[in-house]
N, C-alpha and C. Protein backbone atom coordinates (compact mmCIF):
# COMPACT_ATOMS: atom_id res chain seq x y z
N MET A 1 -28.92 -35.56 -2.78
CA MET A 1 -28.09 -35.08 -1.69
C MET A 1 -26.70 -34.67 -2.19
N LYS A 2 -26.18 -35.42 -3.15
CA LYS A 2 -24.85 -35.12 -3.69
C LYS A 2 -24.84 -33.73 -4.34
N ASN A 3 -25.91 -33.41 -5.04
CA ASN A 3 -26.02 -32.12 -5.69
C ASN A 3 -26.02 -30.98 -4.67
N LEU A 4 -26.67 -31.20 -3.54
CA LEU A 4 -26.72 -30.20 -2.47
C LEU A 4 -25.32 -29.91 -1.93
N TRP A 5 -24.53 -30.97 -1.72
CA TRP A 5 -23.16 -30.79 -1.24
C TRP A 5 -22.31 -30.05 -2.26
N ASN A 6 -22.48 -30.37 -3.53
CA ASN A 6 -21.74 -29.66 -4.58
C ASN A 6 -22.07 -28.18 -4.59
N ASN A 7 -23.33 -27.86 -4.39
CA ASN A 7 -23.74 -26.45 -4.35
C ASN A 7 -23.12 -25.75 -3.15
N LYS A 8 -23.10 -26.42 -1.99
CA LYS A 8 -22.51 -25.82 -0.79
C LYS A 8 -21.01 -25.60 -0.96
N ILE A 9 -20.35 -26.58 -1.55
CA ILE A 9 -18.91 -26.45 -1.77
C ILE A 9 -18.64 -25.32 -2.75
N SER A 10 -19.41 -25.23 -3.80
CA SER A 10 -19.24 -24.15 -4.78
C SER A 10 -19.47 -22.79 -4.14
N LEU A 11 -20.49 -22.69 -3.30
CA LEU A 11 -20.77 -21.44 -2.61
C LEU A 11 -19.64 -21.07 -1.66
N PHE A 12 -19.11 -22.07 -0.95
CA PHE A 12 -18.00 -21.83 -0.03
C PHE A 12 -16.77 -21.32 -0.79
N LEU A 13 -16.45 -21.96 -1.92
CA LEU A 13 -15.31 -21.53 -2.72
C LEU A 13 -15.51 -20.12 -3.26
N LEU A 14 -16.72 -19.80 -3.65
CA LEU A 14 -17.02 -18.46 -4.14
C LEU A 14 -16.83 -17.43 -3.03
N GLN A 15 -17.28 -17.76 -1.81
CA GLN A 15 -17.12 -16.84 -0.69
C GLN A 15 -15.64 -16.64 -0.36
N GLU A 16 -14.87 -17.71 -0.41
CA GLU A 16 -13.43 -17.60 -0.15
C GLU A 16 -12.76 -16.73 -1.21
N TYR A 17 -13.14 -16.92 -2.45
CA TYR A 17 -12.57 -16.13 -3.54
C TYR A 17 -12.91 -14.65 -3.36
N MET A 18 -14.16 -14.37 -2.99
CA MET A 18 -14.60 -12.99 -2.80
C MET A 18 -13.83 -12.33 -1.66
N SER A 19 -13.61 -13.06 -0.57
CA SER A 19 -12.87 -12.47 0.55
C SER A 19 -11.41 -12.24 0.17
N LEU A 20 -10.84 -13.14 -0.61
CA LEU A 20 -9.45 -12.95 -1.04
C LEU A 20 -9.31 -11.75 -1.96
N THR A 21 -10.24 -11.58 -2.89
CA THR A 21 -10.16 -10.43 -3.79
C THR A 21 -10.37 -9.13 -3.02
N SER A 22 -11.19 -9.17 -1.98
CA SER A 22 -11.39 -7.98 -1.16
C SER A 22 -10.10 -7.60 -0.43
N VAL A 23 -9.41 -8.59 0.09
CA VAL A 23 -8.13 -8.34 0.77
C VAL A 23 -7.11 -7.80 -0.22
N GLN A 24 -7.07 -8.36 -1.43
CA GLN A 24 -6.13 -7.89 -2.44
C GLN A 24 -6.40 -6.44 -2.81
N ARG A 25 -7.68 -6.06 -2.92
CA ARG A 25 -8.01 -4.67 -3.25
C ARG A 25 -7.54 -3.74 -2.14
N LYS A 26 -7.74 -4.14 -0.89
CA LYS A 26 -7.31 -3.30 0.24
C LYS A 26 -5.79 -3.15 0.25
N LEU A 27 -5.08 -4.24 -0.05
CA LEU A 27 -3.62 -4.17 -0.08
C LEU A 27 -3.15 -3.25 -1.19
N ARG A 28 -3.77 -3.35 -2.36
CA ARG A 28 -3.39 -2.49 -3.48
C ARG A 28 -3.64 -1.02 -3.15
N ALA A 29 -4.71 -0.76 -2.42
CA ALA A 29 -5.03 0.62 -2.06
C ALA A 29 -4.05 1.17 -1.04
N SER A 30 -3.52 0.32 -0.16
CA SER A 30 -2.64 0.81 0.89
C SER A 30 -1.19 0.91 0.44
N VAL A 31 -0.79 0.19 -0.59
CA VAL A 31 0.60 0.21 -1.03
C VAL A 31 1.05 1.59 -1.49
N PRO A 32 0.30 2.32 -2.33
CA PRO A 32 0.75 3.67 -2.71
C PRO A 32 0.92 4.59 -1.51
N CYS A 33 0.05 4.48 -0.51
CA CYS A 33 0.17 5.31 0.68
C CYS A 33 1.46 4.98 1.42
N PHE A 34 1.79 3.71 1.50
CA PHE A 34 3.01 3.28 2.19
C PHE A 34 4.24 3.81 1.46
N ILE A 35 4.24 3.71 0.12
CA ILE A 35 5.37 4.21 -0.66
C ILE A 35 5.50 5.71 -0.48
N PHE A 36 4.38 6.44 -0.49
CA PHE A 36 4.43 7.88 -0.28
C PHE A 36 4.99 8.21 1.10
N TYR A 37 4.58 7.44 2.12
CA TYR A 37 5.06 7.67 3.48
C TYR A 37 6.56 7.46 3.56
N VAL A 38 7.06 6.38 2.96
CA VAL A 38 8.50 6.10 2.98
C VAL A 38 9.26 7.18 2.24
N ASP A 39 8.77 7.59 1.06
CA ASP A 39 9.45 8.63 0.29
C ASP A 39 9.47 9.95 1.06
N SER A 40 8.38 10.30 1.72
CA SER A 40 8.32 11.54 2.49
C SER A 40 9.31 11.49 3.65
N PHE A 41 9.38 10.35 4.30
CA PHE A 41 10.32 10.18 5.41
C PHE A 41 11.76 10.31 4.91
N HIS A 42 12.05 9.72 3.76
CA HIS A 42 13.39 9.78 3.19
C HIS A 42 13.76 11.22 2.84
N VAL A 43 12.85 11.96 2.23
CA VAL A 43 13.11 13.37 1.89
C VAL A 43 13.36 14.18 3.15
N ALA A 44 12.54 13.97 4.17
CA ALA A 44 12.72 14.70 5.43
C ALA A 44 14.07 14.38 6.05
N TRP A 45 14.48 13.13 5.99
CA TRP A 45 15.77 12.73 6.56
C TRP A 45 16.92 13.36 5.79
N VAL A 46 16.83 13.38 4.45
CA VAL A 46 17.88 13.99 3.62
C VAL A 46 17.98 15.48 3.91
N LEU A 47 16.84 16.17 4.01
CA LEU A 47 16.86 17.60 4.30
C LEU A 47 17.43 17.88 5.69
N TYR A 48 17.16 17.00 6.62
CA TYR A 48 17.68 17.16 7.98
C TYR A 48 19.20 16.98 8.00
N LYS A 49 19.70 16.03 7.22
CA LYS A 49 21.13 15.72 7.22
C LYS A 49 21.95 16.65 6.33
N ALA A 50 21.32 17.31 5.37
CA ALA A 50 22.06 18.16 4.44
C ALA A 50 22.58 19.40 5.16
N PRO A 51 23.79 19.84 4.80
CA PRO A 51 24.32 21.07 5.40
C PRO A 51 23.44 22.27 5.05
N ARG A 52 23.32 23.20 5.97
CA ARG A 52 22.44 24.37 5.77
C ARG A 52 22.86 25.19 4.55
N LYS A 53 24.15 25.29 4.28
CA LYS A 53 24.63 26.10 3.15
C LYS A 53 24.15 25.54 1.81
N LEU A 54 23.99 24.24 1.73
CA LEU A 54 23.51 23.64 0.48
C LEU A 54 22.04 23.95 0.24
N LEU A 55 21.30 24.15 1.32
CA LEU A 55 19.86 24.38 1.18
C LEU A 55 19.52 25.84 0.91
N GLN A 56 20.44 26.77 1.25
CA GLN A 56 20.16 28.20 1.04
C GLN A 56 20.45 28.56 -0.42
N PRO A 57 19.59 29.36 -1.03
CA PRO A 57 19.85 29.77 -2.42
C PRO A 57 21.10 30.65 -2.52
N SER A 58 21.82 30.54 -3.61
CA SER A 58 23.07 31.29 -3.78
C SER A 58 22.80 32.78 -3.97
N ILE A 59 21.58 33.19 -4.28
CA ILE A 59 21.24 34.60 -4.47
C ILE A 59 21.42 35.37 -3.16
N LEU A 60 21.15 34.72 -2.05
CA LEU A 60 21.23 35.40 -0.76
C LEU A 60 22.67 35.65 -0.32
N HIS A 61 23.64 34.99 -0.91
CA HIS A 61 25.04 35.16 -0.49
C HIS A 61 25.69 36.28 -1.22
C-alpha cells in the first residue's frame, strides 16, 4: 500500500510540474507581444506629440 501512495504522489508532482511548465511557456510566448505592443504605443504617442515641422522632410521646404 505504501508503494501505491508513493506512485500517486509522484504522479501528482509530475502533473503539477507539467502544468507549471505549460504556464511558463505561455507567459514566455506572450511577453514579446506585450513588449511590441508597448513599444508601438510609445512610438505612436511620440509621433502624436512631435511638432509637425519636425516630421516633414526638409526637401519639401
